[in-house]
Amino acid sequence: MNLLEWNDVTQAKYLETNPLLRDEIQSLSAKDQQDQIKWAFEDEAEAQGIEPWELAAQLIAETPEQLKAMRLDTHQQVAEALGMVWAEYCELNDIQE
């Protein structure tokens, strides 16, 4: 599952854990519901002091090992997108493999 595929799964799981939000947005259009879920999710990540992708990984991962693998995979994708050598990226971001 790549970062883009995480979105649908994450939103569904986040909504499951937030029934109050689900109730508040049920009368909105589908697009407005998606926007509200996204904003609430981003606010939750910020409140926890983490990036939204990290909160997404926490919701999706079924085991601590899977969470670690997802984190590493995400960081590898970022390093690749930045054109950085993996070892250098790990050193700069204090990542232990």
PDB file of N, CA and C in Angstrom:
ATOM      1  N   MET A   1       0.859  -1.172   0.000  1.00  0.00           N
ATOM      2  CA  MET A   1       0.000   0.000   0.000  1.00  0.00           C
ATOM      3  C   MET A   1       0.905   1.236   0.000  1.00  0.00           C
ATOM      4  N   ASN A   2       0.692   2.117  -0.967  1.00  0.00           N
ATOM      5  CA  ASN A   2       1.502   3.334  -1.006  1.00  0.00           C
ATOM      6  C   ASN A   2       0.778   4.470  -0.283  1.00  0.00           C
ATOM      7  N   LEU A   3       1.428   5.602  -0.220  1.00  0.00           N
ATOM      8  CA  LEU A   3       0.875   6.740   0.523  1.00  0.00           C
ATOM      9  C   LEU A   3      -0.494   7.166   0.020  1.00  0.00           C
ATOM     10  N   LEU A   4      -0.685   7.133  -1.290  1.00  0.00           N
ATOM     11  CA  LEU A   4      -1.975   7.550  -1.834  1.00  0.00           C
ATOM     12  C   LEU A   4      -3.090   6.575  -1.452  1.00  0.00           C
ATOM     13  N   GLU A   5      -2.770   5.298  -1.390  1.00  0.00           N
ATOM     14  CA  GLU A   5      -3.773   4.298  -1.026  1.00  0.00           C
ATOM     15  C   GLU A   5      -4.139   4.364   0.453  1.00  0.00           C
ATOM     16  N   TRP A   6      -3.244   4.918   1.254  1.00  0.00           N
ATOM     17  CA  TRP A   6      -3.517   5.042   2.684  1.00  0.00           C
ATOM     18  C   TRP A   6      -4.725   5.920   2.948  1.00  0.00           C
ATOM     19  N   ASN A   7      -4.970   6.893   2.100  1.00  0.00           N
ATOM     20  CA  ASN A   7      -5.988   7.909   2.353  1.00  0.00           C
ATOM     21  C   ASN A   7      -7.361   7.322   2.639  1.00  0.00           C
ATOM     22  N   ASP A   8      -7.866   6.487   1.754  1.00  0.00           N
ATOM     23  CA  ASP A   8      -9.208   5.931   1.939  1.00  0.00           C
ATOM     24  C   ASP A   8      -9.295   5.074   3.194  1.00  0.00           C
ATOM     25  N   VAL A   9      -8.307   4.220   3.389  1.00  0.00           N
ATOM     26  CA  VAL A   9      -8.302   3.340   4.562  1.00  0.00           C
ATOM     27  C   VAL A   9      -8.212   4.165   5.840  1.00  0.00           C
ATOM     28  N   THR A  10      -7.350   5.151   5.825  1.00  0.00           N
ATOM     29  CA  THR A  10      -7.153   5.996   7.003  1.00  0.00           C
ATOM     30  C   THR A  10      -8.412   6.761   7.367  1.00  0.00           C
ATOM     31  N   GLN A  11      -9.049   7.362   6.374  1.00  0.00           N
ATOM     32  CA  GLN A  11     -10.259   8.129   6.658  1.00  0.00           C
ATOM     33  C   GLN A  11     -11.350   7.245   7.245  1.00  0.00           C
ATOM     34  N   ALA A  12     -11.506   6.054   6.714  1.00  0.00           N
ATOM     35  CA  ALA A  12     -12.527   5.141   7.240  1.00  0.00           C
ATOM     36  C   ALA A  12     -12.218   4.757   8.686  1.00  0.00           C
ATOM     37  N   LYS A  13     -10.963   4.416   8.967  1.00  0.00           N
ATOM     38  CA  LYS A  13     -10.594   4.031  10.336  1.00  0.00           C
ATOM     39  C   LYS A  13     -10.695   5.214  11.292  1.00  0.00           C
ATOM     40  N   TYR A  14     -10.302   6.389  10.822  1.00  0.00           N
ATOM     41  CA  TYR A  14     -10.381   7.577  11.672  1.00  0.00           C
ATOM     42  C   TYR A  14     -11.834   7.875  12.020  1.00  0.00           C
ATOM     43  N   LEU A  15     -12.704   7.752  11.043  1.00  0.00           N
ATOM     44  CA  LEU A  15     -14.123   8.016  11.277  1.00  0.00           C
ATOM     45  C   LEU A  15     -14.718   6.992  12.243  1.00  0.00           C
ATOM     46  N   GLU A  16     -14.265   5.738  12.168  1.00  0.00           N
ATOM     47  CA  GLU A  16     -14.721   4.698  13.101  1.00  0.00           C
ATOM     48  C   GLU A  16     -14.394   5.074  14.543  1.00  0.00           C
ATOM     49  N   THR A  17     -13.247   5.701  14.734  1.00  0.00           N
ATOM     50  CA  THR A  17     -12.820   6.050  16.091  1.00  0.00           C
ATOM     51  C   THR A  17     -13.360   7.395  16.554  1.00  0.00           C
ATOM     52  N   ASN A  18     -14.088   8.077  15.675  1.00  0.00           N
ATOM     53  CA  ASN A  18     -14.639   9.395  16.000  1.00  0.00           C
ATOM     54  C   ASN A  18     -16.122   9.476  15.649  1.00  0.00           C
ATOM     55  N   PRO A  19     -16.959   8.762  16.386  1.00  0.00           N
ATOM     56  CA  PRO A  19     -18.389   8.762  16.062  1.00  0.00           C
ATOM     57  C   PRO A  19     -19.036  10.143  16.165  1.00  0.00           C
ATOM     58  N   LEU A  20     -18.529  10.996  17.027  1.00  0.00           N
ATOM     59  CA  LEU A  20     -19.078  12.349  17.140  1.00  0.00           C
ATOM     60  C   LEU A  20     -18.876  13.116  15.832  1.00  0.00           C
ATOM     61  N   LEU A  21     -17.706  12.998  15.257  1.00  0.00           N
ATOM     62  CA  LEU A  21     -17.432  13.641  13.967  1.00  0.00           C
ATOM     63  C   LEU A  21     -18.366  13.082  12.903  1.00  0.00           C
ATOM     64  N   ARG A  22     -18.519  11.770  12.884  1.00  0.00           N
ATOM     65  CA  ARG A  22     -19.411  11.128  11.910  1.00  0.00           C
ATOM     66  C   ARG A  22     -20.821  11.693  12.030  1.00  0.00           C
ATOM     67  N   ASP A  23     -21.305  11.839  13.252  1.00  0.00           N
ATOM     68  CA  ASP A  23     -22.649  12.386  13.466  1.00  0.00           C
ATOM     69  C   ASP A  23     -22.741  13.846  13.020  1.00  0.00           C
ATOM     70  N   GLU A  24     -21.691  14.608  13.285  1.00  0.00           N
ATOM     71  CA  GLU A  24     -21.697  16.033  12.942  1.00  0.00           C
ATOM     72  C   GLU A  24     -21.709  16.283  11.438  1.00  0.00           C
ATOM     73  N   ILE A  25     -21.116  15.380  10.670  1.00  0.00           N
ATOM     74  CA  ILE A  25     -20.983  15.630   9.231  1.00  0.00           C
ATOM     75  C   ILE A  25     -21.979  14.867   8.370  1.00  0.00           C
ATOM     76  N   GLN A  26     -22.835  14.072   8.980  1.00  0.00           N
ATOM     77  CA  GLN A  26     -23.713  13.205   8.189  1.00  0.00           C
ATOM     78  C   GLN A  26     -24.661  13.964   7.264  1.00  0.00           C
ATOM     79  N   SER A  27     -24.991  15.197   7.580  1.00  0.00           N
ATOM     80  CA  SER A  27     -25.916  15.957   6.733  1.00  0.00           C
ATOM     81  C   SER A  27     -25.203  16.719   5.610  1.00  0.00           C
ATOM     82  N   LEU A  28     -23.882  16.650   5.574  1.00  0.00           N
ATOM     83  CA  LEU A  28     -23.110  17.359   4.554  1.00  0.00           C
ATOM     84  C   LEU A  28     -23.021  16.545   3.269  1.00  0.00           C
ATOM     85  N   SER A  29     -22.670  17.219   2.188  1.00  0.00           N
ATOM     86  CA  SER A  29     -22.439  16.517   0.922  1.00  0.00           C
ATOM     87  C   SER A  29     -21.211  15.614   1.074  1.00  0.00           C
ATOM     88  N   ALA A  30     -21.070  14.663   0.174  1.00  0.00           N
ATOM     89  CA  ALA A  30     -19.939  13.733   0.238  1.00  0.00           C
ATOM     90  C   ALA A  30     -18.607  14.484   0.201  1.00  0.00           C
ATOM     91  N   LYS A  31     -18.509  15.473  -0.659  1.00  0.00           N
ATOM     92  CA  LYS A  31     -17.267  16.254  -0.756  1.00  0.00           C
ATOM     93  C   LYS A  31     -16.993  16.998   0.544  1.00  0.00           C
ATOM     94  N   ASP A  32     -18.015  17.631   1.095  1.00  0.00           N
ATOM     95  CA  ASP A  32     -17.832  18.357   2.352  1.00  0.00           C
ATOM     96  C   ASP A  32     -17.481  17.403   3.494  1.00  0.00           C
ATOM     97  N   GLN A  33     -18.058  16.212   3.487  1.00  0.00           N
ATOM     98  CA  GLN A  33     -17.704  15.215   4.499  1.00  0.00           C
ATOM     99  C   GLN A  33     -16.224  14.862   4.401  1.00  0.00           C
ATOM    100  N   GLN A  34     -15.752  14.608   3.178  1.00  0.00           N
ATOM    101  CA  GLN A  34     -14.341  14.269   2.978  1.00  0.00           C
ATOM    102  C   GLN A  34     -13.438  15.403   3.459  1.00  0.00           C
ATOM    103  N   ASP A  35     -13.817  16.629   3.142  1.00  0.00           N
ATOM    104  CA  ASP A  35     -13.028  17.780   3.585  1.00  0.00           C
ATOM    105  C   ASP A  35     -12.980  17.862   5.107  1.00  0.00           C
ATOM    106  N   GLN A  36     -14.113  17.690   5.752  1.00  0.00           N
ATOM    107  CA  GLN A  36     -14.170  17.775   7.215  1.00  0.00           C
ATOM    108  C   GLN A  36     -13.340  16.672   7.867  1.00  0.00           C
ATOM    109  N   ILE A  37     -13.417  15.461   7.307  1.00  0.00           N
ATOM    110  CA  ILE A  37     -12.620  14.352   7.841  1.00  0.00           C
ATOM    111  C   ILE A  37     -11.138  14.665   7.693  1.00  0.00           C
ATOM    112  N   LYS A  38     -10.756  15.147   6.528  1.00  0.00           N
ATOM    113  CA  LYS A  38      -9.348  15.483   6.265  1.00  0.00           C
ATOM    114  C   LYS A  38      -8.856  16.535   7.249  1.00  0.00           C
ATOM    115  N   TRP A  39      -9.630  17.598   7.427  1.00  0.00           N
ATOM    116  CA  TRP A  39      -9.212  18.675   8.330  1.00  0.00           C
ATOM    117  C   TRP A  39      -9.143  18.196   9.778  1.00  0.00           C
ATOM    118  N   ALA A  40     -10.121  17.411  10.199  1.00  0.00           N
ATOM    119  CA  ALA A  40     -10.111  16.891  11.568  1.00  0.00           C
ATOM    120  C   ALA A  40      -8.913  15.966  11.776  1.00  0.00           C
ATOM    121  N   PHE A  41      -8.622  15.152  10.763  1.00  0.00           N
ATOM    122  CA  PHE A  41      -7.488  14.236  10.832  1.00  0.00           C
ATOM    123  C   PHE A  41      -6.173  15.013  10.942  1.00  0.00           C
ATOM    124  N   GLU A  42      -6.017  16.037  10.122  1.00  0.00           N
ATOM    125  CA  GLU A  42      -4.808  16.858  10.172  1.00  0.00           C
ATOM    126  C   GLU A  42      -4.681  17.567  11.517  1.00  0.00           C
ATOM    127  N   ASP A  43      -5.796  18.046  12.051  1.00  0.00           N
ATOM    128  CA  ASP A  43      -5.787  18.685  13.370  1.00  0.00           C
ATOM    129  C   ASP A  43      -5.378  17.692  14.453  1.00  0.00           C
ATOM    130  N   GLU A  44      -5.865  16.460  14.355  1.00  0.00           N
ATOM    131  CA  GLU A  44      -5.513  15.419  15.326  1.00  0.00           C
ATOM    132  C   GLU A  44      -4.019  15.124  15.282  1.00  0.00           C
ATOM    133  N   ALA A  45      -3.476  15.006  14.082  1.00  0.00           N
ATOM    134  CA  ALA A  45      -2.036  14.758  13.951  1.00  0.00           C
ATOM    135  C   ALA A  45      -1.244  15.910  14.568  1.00  0.00           C
ATOM    136  N   GLU A  46      -1.647  17.125  14.270  1.00  0.00           N
ATOM    137  CA  GLU A  46      -0.960  18.295  14.823  1.00  0.00           C
ATOM    138  C   GLU A  46      -1.039  18.298  16.350  1.00  0.00           C
ATOM    139  N   ALA A  47      -2.201  17.957  16.892  1.00  0.00           N
ATOM    140  CA  ALA A  47      -2.373  17.919  18.344  1.00  0.00           C
ATOM    141  C   ALA A  47      -1.451  16.878  18.988  1.00  0.00           C
ATOM    142  N   GLN A  48      -1.154  15.811  18.240  1.00  0.00           N
ATOM    143  CA  GLN A  48      -0.260  14.770  18.751  1.00  0.00           C
ATOM    144  C   GLN A  48       1.211  15.078  18.474  1.00  0.00           C
ATOM    145  N   GLY A  49       1.451  16.158  17.729  1.00  0.00           N
ATOM    146  CA  GLY A  49       2.824  16.543  17.423  1.00  0.00           C
ATOM    147  C   GLY A  49       3.485  15.677  16.368  1.00  0.00           C
ATOM    148  N   ILE A  50       2.671  15.083  15.485  1.00  0.00           N
ATOM    149  CA  ILE A  50       3.207  14.224  14.431  1.00  0.00           C
ATOM    150  C   ILE A  50       2.641  14.657  13.080  1.00  0.00           C
ATOM    151  N   GLU A  51       3.243  14.160  12.031  1.00  0.00           N
ATOM    152  CA  GLU A  51       2.764  14.443  10.682  1.00  0.00           C
ATOM    153  C   GLU A  51       1.533  13.584  10.389  1.00  0.00           C
ATOM    154  N   PRO A  52       0.658  14.048   9.513  1.00  0.00           N
ATOM    155  CA  PRO A  52      -0.525  13.252   9.165  1.00  0.00           C
ATOM    156  C   PRO A  52      -0.197  11.851   8.655  1.00  0.00           C
ATOM    157  N   TRP A  53       0.893  11.707   7.894  1.00  0.00           N
ATOM    158  CA  TRP A  53       1.231  10.369   7.396  1.00  0.00           C
ATOM    159  C   TRP A  53       1.569   9.424   8.544  1.00  0.00           C
ATOM    160  N   GLU A  54       2.160   9.964   9.612  1.00  0.00           N
ATOM    161  CA  GLU A  54       2.511   9.138  10.768  1.00  0.00           C
ATOM    162  C   GLU A  54       1.247   8.667  11.486  1.00  0.00           C
ATOM    163  N   LEU A  55       0.281   9.549  11.645  1.00  0.00           N
ATOM    164  CA  LEU A  55      -0.991   9.160  12.250  1.00  0.00           C
ATOM    165  C   LEU A  55      -1.687   8.131  11.372  1.00  0.00           C
ATOM    166  N   ALA A  56      -1.609   8.321  10.066  1.00  0.00           N
ATOM    167  CA  ALA A  56      -2.202   7.357   9.138  1.00  0.00           C
ATOM    168  C   ALA A  56      -1.562   5.987   9.320  1.00  0.00           C
ATOM    169  N   ALA A  57      -0.255   5.955   9.406  1.00  0.00           N
ATOM    170  CA  ALA A  57       0.447   4.681   9.595  1.00  0.00           C
ATOM    171  C   ALA A  57       0.033   4.022  10.905  1.00  0.00           C
ATOM    172  N   GLN A  58      -0.112   4.817  11.955  1.00  0.00           N
ATOM    173  CA  GLN A  58      -0.524   4.264  13.246  1.00  0.00           C
ATOM    174  C   GLN A  58      -1.914   3.638  13.171  1.00  0.00           C
ATOM    175  N   LEU A  59      -2.806   4.259  12.404  1.00  0.00           N
ATOM    176  CA  LEU A  59      -4.164   3.725  12.276  1.00  0.00           C
ATOM    177  C   LEU A  59      -4.213   2.469  11.412  1.00  0.00           C
ATOM    178  N   ILE A  60      -3.372   2.423  10.391  1.00  0.00           N
ATOM    179  CA  ILE A  60      -3.414   1.325   9.433  1.00  0.00           C
ATOM    180  C   ILE A  60      -2.650   0.098   9.917  1.00  0.00           C
ATOM    181  N   ALA A  61      -1.504   0.308  10.542  1.00  0.00           N
ATOM    182  CA  ALA A  61      -0.641  -0.803  10.945  1.00  0.00           C
ATOM    183  C   ALA A  61      -1.349  -1.725  11.928  1.00  0.00           C
ATOM    184  N   GLU A  62      -1.166  -3.007  11.704  1.00  0.00           N
ATOM    185  CA  GLU A  62      -1.793  -4.001  12.578  1.00  0.00           C
ATOM    186  C   GLU A  62      -0.846  -4.517  13.648  1.00  0.00           C
ATOM    187  N   THR A  63       0.454  -4.291  13.459  1.00  0.00           N
ATOM    188  CA  THR A  63       1.451  -4.724  14.438  1.00  0.00           C
ATOM    189  C   THR A  63       2.533  -3.648  14.544  1.00  0.00           C
ATOM    190  N   PRO A  64       3.290  -3.657  15.631  1.00  0.00           N
ATOM    191  CA  PRO A  64       4.411  -2.712  15.740  1.00  0.00           C
ATOM    192  C   PRO A  64       5.437  -2.903  14.613  1.00  0.00           C
ATOM    193  N   GLU A  65       5.634  -4.145  14.206  1.00  0.00           N
ATOM    194  CA  GLU A  65       6.575  -4.426  13.126  1.00  0.00           C
ATOM    195  C   GLU A  65       6.090  -3.822  11.811  1.00  0.00           C
ATOM    196  N   GLN A  66       4.795  -3.939  11.561  1.00  0.00           N
ATOM    197  CA  GLN A  66       4.239  -3.368  10.342  1.00  0.00           C
ATOM    198  C   GLN A  66       4.345  -1.841  10.381  1.00  0.00           C
ATOM    199  N   LEU A  67       4.113  -1.246  11.531  1.00  0.00           N
ATOM    200  CA  LEU A  67       4.245   0.206  11.668  1.00  0.00           C
ATOM    201  C   LEU A  67       5.675   0.638  11.370  1.00  0.00           C
ATOM    202  N   LYS A  68       6.643  -0.080  11.911  1.00  0.00           N
ATOM    203  CA  LYS A  68       8.046   0.248  11.656  1.00  0.00           C
ATOM    204  C   LYS A  68       8.358   0.135  10.166  1.00  0.00           C
ATOM    205  N   ALA A  69       7.873  -0.921   9.532  1.00  0.00           N
ATOM    206  CA  ALA A  69       8.111  -1.113   8.099  1.00  0.00           C
ATOM    207  C   ALA A  69       7.461   0.003   7.285  1.00  0.00           C
ATOM    208  N   MET A  70       6.269   0.413   7.679  1.00  0.00           N
ATOM    209  CA  MET A  70       5.577   1.491   6.971  1.00  0.00           C
ATOM    210  C   MET A  70       6.337   2.809   7.121  1.00  0.00           C
ATOM    211  N   ARG A  71       6.846   3.063   8.317  1.00  0.00           N
ATOM    212  CA  ARG A  71       7.626   4.285   8.537  1.00  0.00           C
ATOM    213  C   ARG A  71       8.871   4.292   7.655  1.00  0.00           C
ATOM    214  N   LEU A  72       9.588   3.161   7.650  1.00  0.00           N
ATOM    215  CA  LEU A  72      10.800   3.079   6.840  1.00  0.00           C
ATOM    216  C   LEU A  72      10.488   3.244   5.360  1.00  0.00           C
ATOM    217  N   ASP A  73       9.427   2.599   4.903  1.00  0.00           N
ATOM    218  CA  ASP A  73       9.042   2.697   3.497  1.00  0.00           C
ATOM    219  C   ASP A  73       8.717   4.143   3.130  1.00  0.00           C
ATOM    220  N   THR A  74       8.000   4.818   3.995  1.00  0.00           N
ATOM    221  CA  THR A  74       7.654   6.217   3.737  1.00  0.00           C
ATOM    222  C   THR A  74       8.907   7.081   3.674  1.00  0.00           C
ATOM    223  N   HIS A  75       9.798   6.885   4.624  1.00  0.00           N
ATOM    224  CA  HIS A  75      11.038   7.661   4.619  1.00  0.00           C
ATOM    225  C   HIS A  75      11.877   7.350   3.375  1.00  0.00           C
ATOM    226  N   GLN A  76      11.886   6.090   2.947  1.00  0.00           N
ATOM    227  CA  GLN A  76      12.631   5.739   1.735  1.00  0.00           C
ATOM    228  C   GLN A  76      12.043   6.438   0.515  1.00  0.00           C
ATOM    229  N   GLN A  77      10.722   6.522   0.455  1.00  0.00           N
ATOM    230  CA  GLN A  77      10.077   7.225  -0.655  1.00  0.00           C
ATOM    231  C   GLN A  77      10.443   8.711  -0.644  1.00  0.00           C
ATOM    232  N   VAL A  78      10.479   9.302   0.538  1.00  0.00           N
ATOM    233  CA  VAL A  78      10.839  10.716   0.652  1.00  0.00           C
ATOM    234  C   VAL A  78      12.295  10.921   0.231  1.00  0.00           C
ATOM    235  N   ALA A  79      13.179  10.062   0.725  1.00  0.00           N
ATOM    236  CA  ALA A  79      14.594  10.177   0.364  1.00  0.00           C
ATOM    237  C   ALA A  79      14.772  10.063  -1.145  1.00  0.00           C
ATOM    238  N   GLU A  80      14.080   9.119  -1.743  1.00  0.00           N
ATOM    239  CA  GLU A  80      14.158   8.935  -3.191  1.00  0.00           C
ATOM    240  C   GLU A  80      13.639  10.171  -3.925  1.00  0.00           C
ATOM    241  N   ALA A  81      12.509  10.703  -3.467  1.00  0.00           N
ATOM    242  CA  ALA A  81      11.934  11.890  -4.107  1.00  0.00           C
ATOM    243  C   ALA A  81      12.875  13.091  -3.999  1.00  0.00           C
ATOM    244  N   LEU A  82      13.619  13.154  -2.910  1.00  0.00           N
ATOM    245  CA  LEU A  82      14.571  14.247  -2.713  1.00  0.00           C
ATOM    246  C   LEU A  82      15.907  13.998  -3.411  1.00  0.00           C
ATOM    247  N   GLY A  83      16.077  12.783  -3.929  1.00  0.00           N
ATOM    248  CA  GLY A  83      17.333  12.437  -4.589  1.00  0.00           C
ATOM    249  C   GLY A  83      18.484  12.263  -3.618  1.00  0.00           C
ATOM    250  N   MET A  84      18.162  11.865  -2.386  1.00  0.00           N
ATOM    251  CA  MET A  84      19.188  11.710  -1.359  1.00  0.00           C
ATOM    252  C   MET A  84      19.625  10.258  -1.249  1.00  0.00           C
ATOM    253  N   VAL A  85      20.875  10.079  -0.865  1.00  0.00           N
ATOM    254  CA  VAL A  85      21.386   8.751  -0.544  1.00  0.00           C
ATOM    255  C   VAL A  85      20.719   8.323   0.763  1.00  0.00           C
ATOM    256  N   TRP A  86      20.252   7.079   0.817  1.00  0.00           N
ATOM    257  CA  TRP A  86      19.494   6.586   1.964  1.00  0.00           C
ATOM    258  C   TRP A  86      20.266   6.755   3.277  1.00  0.00           C
ATOM    259  N   ALA A  87      21.531   6.397   3.294  1.00  0.00           N
ATOM    260  CA  ALA A  87      22.318   6.497   4.528  1.00  0.00           C
ATOM    261  C   ALA A  87      22.398   7.944   5.016  1.00  0.00           C
ATOM    262  N   GLU A  88      22.568   8.861   4.090  1.00  0.00           N
ATOM    263  CA  GLU A  88      22.627  10.285   4.452  1.00  0.00           C
ATOM    264  C   GLU A  88      21.277  10.758   5.000  1.00  0.00           C
ATOM    265  N   TYR A  89      20.202  10.341   4.346  1.00  0.00           N
ATOM    266  CA  TYR A  89      18.859  10.708   4.799  1.00  0.00           C
ATOM    267  C   TYR A  89      18.625  10.184   6.218  1.00  0.00           C
ATOM    268  N   CYS A  90      19.009   8.933   6.454  1.00  0.00           N
ATOM    269  CA  CYS A  90      18.828   8.340   7.789  1.00  0.00           C
ATOM    270  C   CYS A  90      19.599   9.118   8.846  1.00  0.00           C
ATOM    271  N   GLU A  91      20.816   9.499   8.511  1.00  0.00           N
ATOM    272  CA  GLU A  91      21.629  10.252   9.463  1.00  0.00           C
ATOM    273  C   GLU A  91      21.003  11.610   9.768  1.00  0.00           C
ATOM    274  N   LEU A  92      20.546  12.304   8.740  1.00  0.00           N
ATOM    275  CA  LEU A  92      19.942  13.624   8.931  1.00  0.00           C
ATOM    276  C   LEU A  92      18.637  13.568   9.717  1.00  0.00           C
ATOM    277  N   ASN A  93      17.916  12.459   9.592  1.00  0.00           N
ATOM    278  CA  ASN A  93      16.605  12.337  10.231  1.00  0.00           C
ATOM    279  C   ASN A  93      16.603  11.400  11.432  1.00  0.00           C
ATOM    280  N   ASP A  94      17.804  11.004  11.869  1.00  0.00           N
ATOM    281  CA  ASP A  94      17.955  10.133  13.040  1.00  0.00           C
ATOM    282  C   ASP A  94      17.091   8.879  12.931  1.00  0.00           C
ATOM    283  N   ILE A  95      17.218   8.201  11.796  1.00  0.00           N
ATOM    284  CA  ILE A  95      16.446   6.979  11.547  1.00  0.00           C
ATOM    285  C   ILE A  95      17.341   5.774  11.778  1.00  0.00           C
ATOM    286  N   GLN A  96      16.871   4.873  12.616  1.00  0.00           N
ATOM    287  CA  GLN A  96      17.577   3.624  12.889  1.00  0.00           C
ATOM    288  C   GLN A  96      16.870   2.499  12.146  1.00  0.00           C
ATOM    289  N   GLU A  97      17.620   1.761  11.347  1.00  0.00           N
ATOM    290  CA  GLU A  97      16.988   0.652  10.614  1.00  0.00           C
ATOM    291  C   GLU A  97      16.908  -0.586  11.456  1.00  0.00           C
TER     292      GLU A  97
END
